Amino acid sequence: ICKGLALKKVTLKNAGTVGLWFGGF
């Protein structure tokens, strides 16, 4: 949620990057 607040434009690629980092770990 914090990342979404900070990103100027949310794209599927941005959301996927965050999801893969957190899901992977």
mmCIF file of all heavy atoms, coordinates in Angstrom:
data_MODEL
# 
_entry.id   MODEL 
# 
loop_
_atom_site.group_PDB 
_atom_site.id 
_atom_site.type_symbol 
_atom_site.label_atom_id 
_atom_site.label_alt_id 
_atom_site.label_comp_id 
_atom_site.label_asym_id 
_atom_site.label_entity_id 
_atom_site.label_seq_id 
_atom_site.pdbx_PDB_ins_code 
_atom_site.Cartn_x 
_atom_site.Cartn_y 
_atom_site.Cartn_z 
_atom_site.occupancy 
_atom_site.B_iso_or_equiv 
_atom_site.pdbx_formal_charge 
_atom_site.auth_seq_id 
_atom_site.auth_comp_id 
_atom_site.auth_asym_id 
_atom_site.auth_atom_id 
_atom_site.pdbx_PDB_model_num 
ATOM 1   N N   . ILE A 1 1  ? 0.848  -1.197  0.000   1.00 0.00 ? 1  ILE A N   1 
ATOM 2   C CA  . ILE A 1 1  ? 0.000  0.000   0.000   1.00 0.00 ? 1  ILE A CA  1 
ATOM 3   C C   . ILE A 1 1  ? 0.880  1.243   0.000   1.00 0.00 ? 1  ILE A C   1 
ATOM 4   O O   . ILE A 1 1  ? 0.642  2.192   -0.742  1.00 0.00 ? 1  ILE A O   1 
ATOM 5   C CB  . ILE A 1 1  ? -0.971 -0.010  1.205   1.00 0.00 ? 1  ILE A CB  1 
ATOM 6   C CG1 . ILE A 1 1  ? -2.027 -1.106  1.015   1.00 0.00 ? 1  ILE A CG1 1 
ATOM 7   C CG2 . ILE A 1 1  ? -1.641 1.354   1.388   1.00 0.00 ? 1  ILE A CG2 1 
ATOM 8   C CD1 . ILE A 1 1  ? -2.922 -1.327  2.209   1.00 0.00 ? 1  ILE A CD1 1 
ATOM 9   N N   . CYS A 1 2  ? 1.931  1.198   0.811   1.00 0.00 ? 2  CYS A N   1 
ATOM 10  C CA  . CYS A 1 2  ? 2.881  2.317   0.861   1.00 0.00 ? 2  CYS A CA  1 
ATOM 11  C C   . CYS A 1 2  ? 3.526  2.526   -0.505  1.00 0.00 ? 2  CYS A C   1 
ATOM 12  O O   . CYS A 1 2  ? 3.691  3.660   -0.954  1.00 0.00 ? 2  CYS A O   1 
ATOM 13  C CB  . CYS A 1 2  ? 3.935  2.018   1.929   1.00 0.00 ? 2  CYS A CB  1 
ATOM 14  S SG  . CYS A 1 2  ? 5.216  3.258   2.080   1.00 0.00 ? 2  CYS A SG  1 
ATOM 15  N N   . LYS A 1 3  ? 3.909  1.447   -1.157  1.00 0.00 ? 3  LYS A N   1 
ATOM 16  C CA  . LYS A 1 3  ? 4.498  1.556   -2.493  1.00 0.00 ? 3  LYS A CA  1 
ATOM 17  C C   . LYS A 1 3  ? 3.510  2.201   -3.450  1.00 0.00 ? 3  LYS A C   1 
ATOM 18  O O   . LYS A 1 3  ? 3.867  3.045   -4.260  1.00 0.00 ? 3  LYS A O   1 
ATOM 19  C CB  . LYS A 1 3  ? 4.909  0.180   -3.032  1.00 0.00 ? 3  LYS A CB  1 
ATOM 20  C CG  . LYS A 1 3  ? 6.158  -0.383  -2.405  1.00 0.00 ? 3  LYS A CG  1 
ATOM 21  C CD  . LYS A 1 3  ? 7.348  0.410   -2.835  1.00 0.00 ? 3  LYS A CD  1 
ATOM 22  C CE  . LYS A 1 3  ? 8.621  -0.201  -2.313  1.00 0.00 ? 3  LYS A CE  1 
ATOM 23  N NZ  . LYS A 1 3  ? 9.771  0.664   -2.564  1.00 0.00 ? 3  LYS A NZ  1 
ATOM 24  N N   . GLY A 1 4  ? 2.251  1.777   -3.372  1.00 0.00 ? 4  GLY A N   1 
ATOM 25  C CA  . GLY A 1 4  ? 1.230  2.349   -4.240  1.00 0.00 ? 4  GLY A CA  1 
ATOM 26  C C   . GLY A 1 4  ? 1.027  3.831   -4.003  1.00 0.00 ? 4  GLY A C   1 
ATOM 27  O O   . GLY A 1 4  ? 0.760  4.593   -4.932  1.00 0.00 ? 4  GLY A O   1 
ATOM 28  N N   . LEU A 1 5  ? 1.172  4.250   -2.741  1.00 0.00 ? 5  LEU A N   1 
ATOM 29  C CA  . LEU A 1 5  ? 1.072  5.674   -2.411  1.00 0.00 ? 5  LEU A CA  1 
ATOM 30  C C   . LEU A 1 5  ? 2.198  6.462   -3.058  1.00 0.00 ? 5  LEU A C   1 
ATOM 31  O O   . LEU A 1 5  ? 2.015  7.602   -3.475  1.00 0.00 ? 5  LEU A O   1 
ATOM 32  C CB  . LEU A 1 5  ? 1.168  5.871   -0.893  1.00 0.00 ? 5  LEU A CB  1 
ATOM 33  C CG  . LEU A 1 5  ? -0.041 5.503   -0.062  1.00 0.00 ? 5  LEU A CG  1 
ATOM 34  C CD1 . LEU A 1 5  ? 0.340  5.462   1.404   1.00 0.00 ? 5  LEU A CD1 1 
ATOM 35  C CD2 . LEU A 1 5  ? -1.154 6.502   -0.294  1.00 0.00 ? 5  LEU A CD2 1 
ATOM 36  N N   . ALA A 1 6  ? 3.379  5.857   -3.085  1.00 0.00 ? 6  ALA A N   1 
ATOM 37  C CA  . ALA A 1 6  ? 4.578  6.581   -3.521  1.00 0.00 ? 6  ALA A CA  1 
ATOM 38  C C   . ALA A 1 6  ? 4.781  6.589   -5.032  1.00 0.00 ? 6  ALA A C   1 
ATOM 39  O O   . ALA A 1 6  ? 5.460  7.469   -5.539  1.00 0.00 ? 6  ALA A O   1 
ATOM 40  C CB  . ALA A 1 6  ? 5.803  5.965   -2.849  1.00 0.00 ? 6  ALA A CB  1 
ATOM 41  N N   . LEU A 1 7  ? 4.233  5.613   -5.722  1.00 0.00 ? 7  LEU A N   1 
ATOM 42  C CA  . LEU A 1 7  ? 4.443  5.539   -7.167  1.00 0.00 ? 7  LEU A CA  1 
ATOM 43  C C   . LEU A 1 7  ? 3.600  6.590   -7.871  1.00 0.00 ? 7  LEU A C   1 
ATOM 44  O O   . LEU A 1 7  ? 2.427  6.767   -7.557  1.00 0.00 ? 7  LEU A O   1 
ATOM 45  C CB  . LEU A 1 7  ? 4.089  4.147   -7.695  1.00 0.00 ? 7  LEU A CB  1 
ATOM 46  C CG  . LEU A 1 7  ? 5.008  3.017   -7.246  1.00 0.00 ? 7  LEU A CG  1 
ATOM 47  C CD1 . LEU A 1 7  ? 4.421  1.672   -7.645  1.00 0.00 ? 7  LEU A CD1 1 
ATOM 48  C CD2 . LEU A 1 7  ? 6.396  3.186   -7.830  1.00 0.00 ? 7  LEU A CD2 1 
ATOM 49  N N   . LYS A 1 8  ? 4.208  7.282   -8.823  1.00 0.00 ? 8  LYS A N   1 
ATOM 50  C CA  . LYS A 1 8  ? 3.475  8.317   -9.555  1.00 0.00 ? 8  LYS A CA  1 
ATOM 51  C C   . LYS A 1 8  ? 2.411  7.700   -10.435 1.00 0.00 ? 8  LYS A C   1 
ATOM 52  O O   . LYS A 1 8  ? 1.306  8.203   -10.549 1.00 0.00 ? 8  LYS A O   1 
ATOM 53  C CB  . LYS A 1 8  ? 4.440  9.148   -10.387 1.00 0.00 ? 8  LYS A CB  1 
ATOM 54  C CG  . LYS A 1 8  ? 5.344  9.977   -9.522  1.00 0.00 ? 8  LYS A CG  1 
ATOM 55  C CD  . LYS A 1 8  ? 6.300  10.797  -10.334 1.00 0.00 ? 8  LYS A CD  1 
ATOM 56  C CE  . LYS A 1 8  ? 7.234  11.440  -9.342  1.00 0.00 ? 8  LYS A CE  1 
ATOM 57  N NZ  . LYS A 1 8  ? 7.917  12.544  -9.707  1.00 0.00 ? 8  LYS A NZ  1 
ATOM 58  N N   . LYS A 1 9  ? 2.761  6.578   -11.062 1.00 0.00 ? 9  LYS A N   1 
ATOM 59  C CA  . LYS A 1 9  ? 1.806  5.885   -11.921 1.00 0.00 ? 9  LYS A CA  1 
ATOM 60  C C   . LYS A 1 9  ? 1.909  4.396   -11.630 1.00 0.00 ? 9  LYS A C   1 
ATOM 61  O O   . LYS A 1 9  ? 2.990  3.822   -11.691 1.00 0.00 ? 9  LYS A O   1 
ATOM 62  C CB  . LYS A 1 9  ? 2.110  6.153   -13.392 1.00 0.00 ? 9  LYS A CB  1 
ATOM 63  C CG  . LYS A 1 9  ? 1.126  5.515   -14.328 1.00 0.00 ? 9  LYS A CG  1 
ATOM 64  C CD  . LYS A 1 9  ? 1.412  5.858   -15.765 1.00 0.00 ? 9  LYS A CD  1 
ATOM 65  C CE  . LYS A 1 9  ? 0.380  5.160   -16.636 1.00 0.00 ? 9  LYS A CE  1 
ATOM 66  N NZ  . LYS A 1 9  ? 0.657  5.346   -18.047 1.00 0.00 ? 9  LYS A NZ  1 
ATOM 67  N N   . VAL A 1 10 ? 0.795  3.785   -11.303 1.00 0.00 ? 10 VAL A N   1 
ATOM 68  C CA  . VAL A 1 10 ? 0.780  2.359   -11.014 1.00 0.00 ? 10 VAL A CA  1 
ATOM 69  C C   . VAL A 1 10 ? 0.437  1.608   -12.289 1.00 0.00 ? 10 VAL A C   1 
ATOM 70  O O   . VAL A 1 10 ? -0.610 1.837   -12.895 1.00 0.00 ? 10 VAL A O   1 
ATOM 71  C CB  . VAL A 1 10 ? -0.227 2.021   -9.893  1.00 0.00 ? 10 VAL A CB  1 
ATOM 72  C CG1 . VAL A 1 10 ? -0.353 0.524   -9.717  1.00 0.00 ? 10 VAL A CG1 1 
ATOM 73  C CG2 . VAL A 1 10 ? 0.195  2.668   -8.592  1.00 0.00 ? 10 VAL A CG2 1 
ATOM 74  N N   . THR A 1 11 ? 1.346  0.730   -12.691 1.00 0.00 ? 11 THR A N   1 
ATOM 75  C CA  . THR A 1 11 ? 1.125  -0.120  -13.855 1.00 0.00 ? 11 THR A CA  1 
ATOM 76  C C   . THR A 1 11 ? 1.115  -1.568  -13.395 1.00 0.00 ? 11 THR A C   1 
ATOM 77  O O   . THR A 1 11 ? 1.528  -1.886  -12.274 1.00 0.00 ? 11 THR A O   1 
ATOM 78  C CB  . THR A 1 11 ? 2.246  0.070   -14.892 1.00 0.00 ? 11 THR A CB  1 
ATOM 79  O OG1 . THR A 1 11 ? 3.484  -0.370  -14.313 1.00 0.00 ? 11 THR A OG1 1 
ATOM 80  C CG2 . THR A 1 11 ? 2.364  1.526   -15.332 1.00 0.00 ? 11 THR A CG2 1 
ATOM 81  N N   . LEU A 1 12 ? 0.670  -2.444  -14.271 1.00 0.00 ? 12 LEU A N   1 
ATOM 82  C CA  . LEU A 1 12 ? 0.690  -3.876  -13.969 1.00 0.00 ? 12 LEU A CA  1 
ATOM 83  C C   . LEU A 1 12 ? 2.127  -4.344  -13.730 1.00 0.00 ? 12 LEU A C   1 
ATOM 84  O O   . LEU A 1 12 ? 2.388  -5.172  -12.849 1.00 0.00 ? 12 LEU A O   1 
ATOM 85  C CB  . LEU A 1 12 ? 0.044  -4.672  -15.111 1.00 0.00 ? 12 LEU A CB  1 
ATOM 86  C CG  . LEU A 1 12 ? -0.102 -6.171  -14.891 1.00 0.00 ? 12 LEU A CG  1 
ATOM 87  C CD1 . LEU A 1 12 ? -0.908 -6.468  -13.631 1.00 0.00 ? 12 LEU A CD1 1 
ATOM 88  C CD2 . LEU A 1 12 ? -0.749 -6.826  -16.100 1.00 0.00 ? 12 LEU A CD2 1 
ATOM 89  N N   . LYS A 1 13 ? 3.070  -3.777  -14.477 1.00 0.00 ? 13 LYS A N   1 
ATOM 90  C CA  . LYS A 1 13 ? 4.477  -4.137  -14.297 1.00 0.00 ? 13 LYS A CA  1 
ATOM 91  C C   . LYS A 1 13 ? 4.968  -3.734  -12.908 1.00 0.00 ? 13 LYS A C   1 
ATOM 92  O O   . LYS A 1 13 ? 5.648  -4.505  -12.239 1.00 0.00 ? 13 LYS A O   1 
ATOM 93  C CB  . LYS A 1 13 ? 5.336  -3.469  -15.375 1.00 0.00 ? 13 LYS A CB  1 
ATOM 94  C CG  . LYS A 1 13 ? 6.801  -3.824  -15.273 1.00 0.00 ? 13 LYS A CG  1 
ATOM 95  C CD  . LYS A 1 13 ? 7.617  -3.133  -16.347 1.00 0.00 ? 13 LYS A CD  1 
ATOM 96  C CE  . LYS A 1 13 ? 9.098  -3.467  -16.150 1.00 0.00 ? 13 LYS A CE  1 
ATOM 97  N NZ  . LYS A 1 13 ? 9.950  -2.727  -17.059 1.00 0.00 ? 13 LYS A NZ  1 
ATOM 98  N N   . ASN A 1 14 ? 4.634  -2.521  -12.454 1.00 0.00 ? 14 ASN A N   1 
ATOM 99  C CA  . ASN A 1 14 ? 5.026  -2.076  -11.119 1.00 0.00 ? 14 ASN A CA  1 
ATOM 100 C C   . ASN A 1 14 ? 4.419  -2.968  -10.037 1.00 0.00 ? 14 ASN A C   1 
ATOM 101 O O   . ASN A 1 14 ? 5.104  -3.394  -9.111  1.00 0.00 ? 14 ASN A O   1 
ATOM 102 C CB  . ASN A 1 14 ? 4.575  -0.635  -10.864 1.00 0.00 ? 14 ASN A CB  1 
ATOM 103 C CG  . ASN A 1 14 ? 5.329  0.377   -11.684 1.00 0.00 ? 14 ASN A CG  1 
ATOM 104 O OD1 . ASN A 1 14 ? 6.381  0.097   -12.234 1.00 0.00 ? 14 ASN A OD1 1 
ATOM 105 N ND2 . ASN A 1 14 ? 4.770  1.563   -11.775 1.00 0.00 ? 14 ASN A ND2 1 
ATOM 106 N N   . ALA A 1 15 ? 3.131  -3.226  -10.150 1.00 0.00 ? 15 ALA A N   1 
ATOM 107 C CA  . ALA A 1 15 ? 2.453  -4.070  -9.164  1.00 0.00 ? 15 ALA A CA  1 
ATOM 108 C C   . ALA A 1 15 ? 3.035  -5.482  -9.185  1.00 0.00 ? 15 ALA A C   1 
ATOM 109 O O   . ALA A 1 15 ? 3.238  -6.099  -8.136  1.00 0.00 ? 15 ALA A O   1 
ATOM 110 C CB  . ALA A 1 15 ? 0.952  -4.096  -9.440  1.00 0.00 ? 15 ALA A CB  1 
ATOM 111 N N   . GLY A 1 16 ? 3.330  -5.992  -10.393 1.00 0.00 ? 16 GLY A N   1 
ATOM 112 C CA  . GLY A 1 16 ? 3.924  -7.330  -10.517 1.00 0.00 ? 16 GLY A CA  1 
ATOM 113 C C   . GLY A 1 16 ? 5.309  -7.409  -9.904  1.00 0.00 ? 16 GLY A C   1 
ATOM 114 O O   . GLY A 1 16 ? 5.674  -8.407  -9.283  1.00 0.00 ? 16 GLY A O   1 
ATOM 115 N N   . THR A 1 17 ? 6.084  -6.353  -10.071 1.00 0.00 ? 17 THR A N   1 
ATOM 116 C CA  . THR A 1 17 ? 7.423  -6.315  -9.469  1.00 0.00 ? 17 THR A CA  1 
ATOM 117 C C   . THR A 1 17 ? 7.335  -6.410  -7.955  1.00 0.00 ? 17 THR A C   1 
ATOM 118 O O   . THR A 1 17 ? 8.027  -7.217  -7.327  1.00 0.00 ? 17 THR A O   1 
ATOM 119 C CB  . THR A 1 17 ? 8.158  -5.019  -9.882  1.00 0.00 ? 17 THR A CB  1 
ATOM 120 O OG1 . THR A 1 17 ? 8.299  -5.005  -11.300 1.00 0.00 ? 17 THR A OG1 1 
ATOM 121 C CG2 . THR A 1 17 ? 9.526  -4.927  -9.226  1.00 0.00 ? 17 THR A CG2 1 
ATOM 122 N N   . VAL A 1 18 ? 6.473  -5.613  -7.361  1.00 0.00 ? 18 VAL A N   1 
ATOM 123 C CA  . VAL A 1 18 ? 6.289  -5.650  -5.905  1.00 0.00 ? 18 VAL A CA  1 
ATOM 124 C C   . VAL A 1 18 ? 5.770  -7.023  -5.480  1.00 0.00 ? 18 VAL A C   1 
ATOM 125 O O   . VAL A 1 18 ? 6.272  -7.627  -4.530  1.00 0.00 ? 18 VAL A O   1 
ATOM 126 C CB  . VAL A 1 18 ? 5.335  -4.525  -5.445  1.00 0.00 ? 18 VAL A CB  1 
ATOM 127 C CG1 . VAL A 1 18 ? 4.996  -4.661  -3.965  1.00 0.00 ? 18 VAL A CG1 1 
ATOM 128 C CG2 . VAL A 1 18 ? 5.951  -3.158  -5.719  1.00 0.00 ? 18 VAL A CG2 1 
ATOM 129 N N   . GLY A 1 19 ? 4.786  -7.546  -6.198  1.00 0.00 ? 19 GLY A N   1 
ATOM 130 C CA  . GLY A 1 19 ? 4.219  -8.853  -5.873  1.00 0.00 ? 19 GLY A CA  1 
ATOM 131 C C   . GLY A 1 19 ? 5.241  -9.972  -5.940  1.00 0.00 ? 19 GLY A C   1 
ATOM 132 O O   . GLY A 1 19 ? 5.283  -10.847 -5.065  1.00 0.00 ? 19 GLY A O   1 
ATOM 133 N N   . LEU A 1 20 ? 6.085  -9.949  -6.968  1.00 0.00 ? 20 LEU A N   1 
ATOM 134 C CA  . LEU A 1 20 ? 7.097  -11.007 -7.105  1.00 0.00 ? 20 LEU A CA  1 
ATOM 135 C C   . LEU A 1 20 ? 8.170  -10.910 -6.023  1.00 0.00 ? 20 LEU A C   1 
ATOM 136 O O   . LEU A 1 20 ? 8.617  -11.942 -5.504  1.00 0.00 ? 20 LEU A O   1 
ATOM 137 C CB  . LEU A 1 20 ? 7.722  -10.966 -8.494  1.00 0.00 ? 20 LEU A CB  1 
ATOM 138 C CG  . LEU A 1 20 ? 6.813  -11.451 -9.623  1.00 0.00 ? 20 LEU A CG  1 
ATOM 139 C CD1 . LEU A 1 20 ? 7.477  -11.230 -10.979 1.00 0.00 ? 20 LEU A CD1 1 
ATOM 140 C CD2 . LEU A 1 20 ? 6.435  -12.912 -9.445  1.00 0.00 ? 20 LEU A CD2 1 
ATOM 141 N N   . TRP A 1 21 ? 8.582  -9.711  -5.675  1.00 0.00 ? 21 TRP A N   1 
ATOM 142 C CA  . TRP A 1 21 ? 9.566  -9.563  -4.593  1.00 0.00 ? 21 TRP A CA  1 
ATOM 143 C C   . TRP A 1 21 ? 9.003  -10.111 -3.287  1.00 0.00 ? 21 TRP A C   1 
ATOM 144 O O   . TRP A 1 21 ? 9.631  -10.943 -2.634  1.00 0.00 ? 21 TRP A O   1 
ATOM 145 C CB  . TRP A 1 21 ? 9.946  -8.089  -4.399  1.00 0.00 ? 21 TRP A CB  1 
ATOM 146 C CG  . TRP A 1 21 ? 11.102 -7.649  -5.220  1.00 0.00 ? 21 TRP A CG  1 
ATOM 147 C CD1 . TRP A 1 21 ? 11.059 -6.902  -6.368  1.00 0.00 ? 21 TRP A CD1 1 
ATOM 148 C CD2 . TRP A 1 21 ? 12.490 -7.917  -4.977  1.00 0.00 ? 21 TRP A CD2 1 
ATOM 149 N NE1 . TRP A 1 21 ? 12.329 -6.696  -6.839  1.00 0.00 ? 21 TRP A NE1 1 
ATOM 150 C CE2 . TRP A 1 21 ? 13.231 -7.301  -5.999  1.00 0.00 ? 21 TRP A CE2 1 
ATOM 151 C CE3 . TRP A 1 21 ? 13.175 -8.618  -3.989  1.00 0.00 ? 21 TRP A CE3 1 
ATOM 152 C CZ2 . TRP A 1 21 ? 14.617 -7.363  -6.064  1.00 0.00 ? 21 TRP A CZ2 1 
ATOM 153 C CZ3 . TRP A 1 21 ? 14.555 -8.677  -4.047  1.00 0.00 ? 21 TRP A CZ3 1 
ATOM 154 C CH2 . TRP A 1 21 ? 15.266 -8.061  -5.080  1.00 0.00 ? 21 TRP A CH2 1 
ATOM 155 N N   . PHE A 1 22 ? 7.816  -9.635  -2.915  1.00 0.00 ? 22 PHE A N   1 
ATOM 156 C CA  . PHE A 1 22 ? 7.256  -10.034 -1.633  1.00 0.00 ? 22 PHE A CA  1 
ATOM 157 C C   . PHE A 1 22 ? 6.801  -11.488 -1.642  1.00 0.00 ? 22 PHE A C   1 
ATOM 158 O O   . PHE A 1 22 ? 7.054  -12.228 -0.689  1.00 0.00 ? 22 PHE A O   1 
ATOM 159 C CB  . PHE A 1 22 ? 6.107  -9.108  -1.231  1.00 0.00 ? 22 PHE A CB  1 
ATOM 160 C CG  . PHE A 1 22 ? 6.560  -7.716  -0.878  1.00 0.00 ? 22 PHE A CG  1 
ATOM 161 C CD1 . PHE A 1 22 ? 5.712  -6.643  -1.043  1.00 0.00 ? 22 PHE A CD1 1 
ATOM 162 C CD2 . PHE A 1 22 ? 7.827  -7.465  -0.384  1.00 0.00 ? 22 PHE A CD2 1 
ATOM 163 C CE1 . PHE A 1 22 ? 6.111  -5.357  -0.712  1.00 0.00 ? 22 PHE A CE1 1 
ATOM 164 C CE2 . PHE A 1 22 ? 8.250  -6.187  -0.053  1.00 0.00 ? 22 PHE A CE2 1 
ATOM 165 C CZ  . PHE A 1 22 ? 7.379  -5.130  -0.222  1.00 0.00 ? 22 PHE A CZ  1 
ATOM 166 N N   . GLY A 1 23 ? 6.142  -11.923 -2.703  1.00 0.00 ? 23 GLY A N   1 
ATOM 167 C CA  . GLY A 1 23 ? 5.707  -13.316 -2.792  1.00 0.00 ? 23 GLY A CA  1 
ATOM 168 C C   . GLY A 1 23 ? 6.880  -14.283 -2.815  1.00 0.00 ? 23 GLY A C   1 
ATOM 169 O O   . GLY A 1 23 ? 6.847  -15.339 -2.181  1.00 0.00 ? 23 GLY A O   1 
ATOM 170 N N   . GLY A 1 24 ? 7.939  -13.920 -3.545  1.00 0.00 ? 24 GLY A N   1 
ATOM 171 C CA  . GLY A 1 24 ? 9.124  -14.777 -3.613  1.00 0.00 ? 24 GLY A CA  1 
ATOM 172 C C   . GLY A 1 24 ? 9.791  -14.954 -2.263  1.00 0.00 ? 24 GLY A C   1 
ATOM 173 O O   . GLY A 1 24 ? 10.141 -16.072 -1.868  1.00 0.00 ? 24 GLY A O   1 
ATOM 174 N N   . PHE A 1 25 ? 9.938  -13.860 -1.533  1.00 0.00 ? 25 PHE A N   1 
ATOM 175 C CA  . PHE A 1 25 ? 10.568 -13.961 -0.215  1.00 0.00 ? 25 PHE A CA  1 
ATOM 176 C C   . PHE A 1 25 ? 9.654  -14.626 0.807   1.00 0.00 ? 25 PHE A C   1 
ATOM 177 O O   . PHE A 1 25 ? 10.129 -15.341 1.691   1.00 0.00 ? 25 PHE A O   1 
ATOM 178 C CB  . PHE A 1 25 ? 11.049 -12.588 0.273   1.00 0.00 ? 25 PHE A CB  1 
ATOM 179 C CG  . PHE A 1 25 ? 12.453 -12.298 -0.156  1.00 0.00 ? 25 PHE A CG  1 
ATOM 180 C CD1 . PHE A 1 25 ? 12.712 -11.858 -1.452  1.00 0.00 ? 25 PHE A CD1 1 
ATOM 181 C CD2 . PHE A 1 25 ? 13.514 -12.502 0.704   1.00 0.00 ? 25 PHE A CD2 1 
ATOM 182 C CE1 . PHE A 1 25 ? 14.006 -11.610 -1.871  1.00 0.00 ? 25 PHE A CE1 1 
ATOM 183 C CE2 . PHE A 1 25 ? 14.822 -12.255 0.288   1.00 0.00 ? 25 PHE A CE2 1 
ATOM 184 C CZ  . PHE A 1 25 ? 15.075 -11.815 -1.006  1.00 0.00 ? 25 PHE A CZ  1 
# 
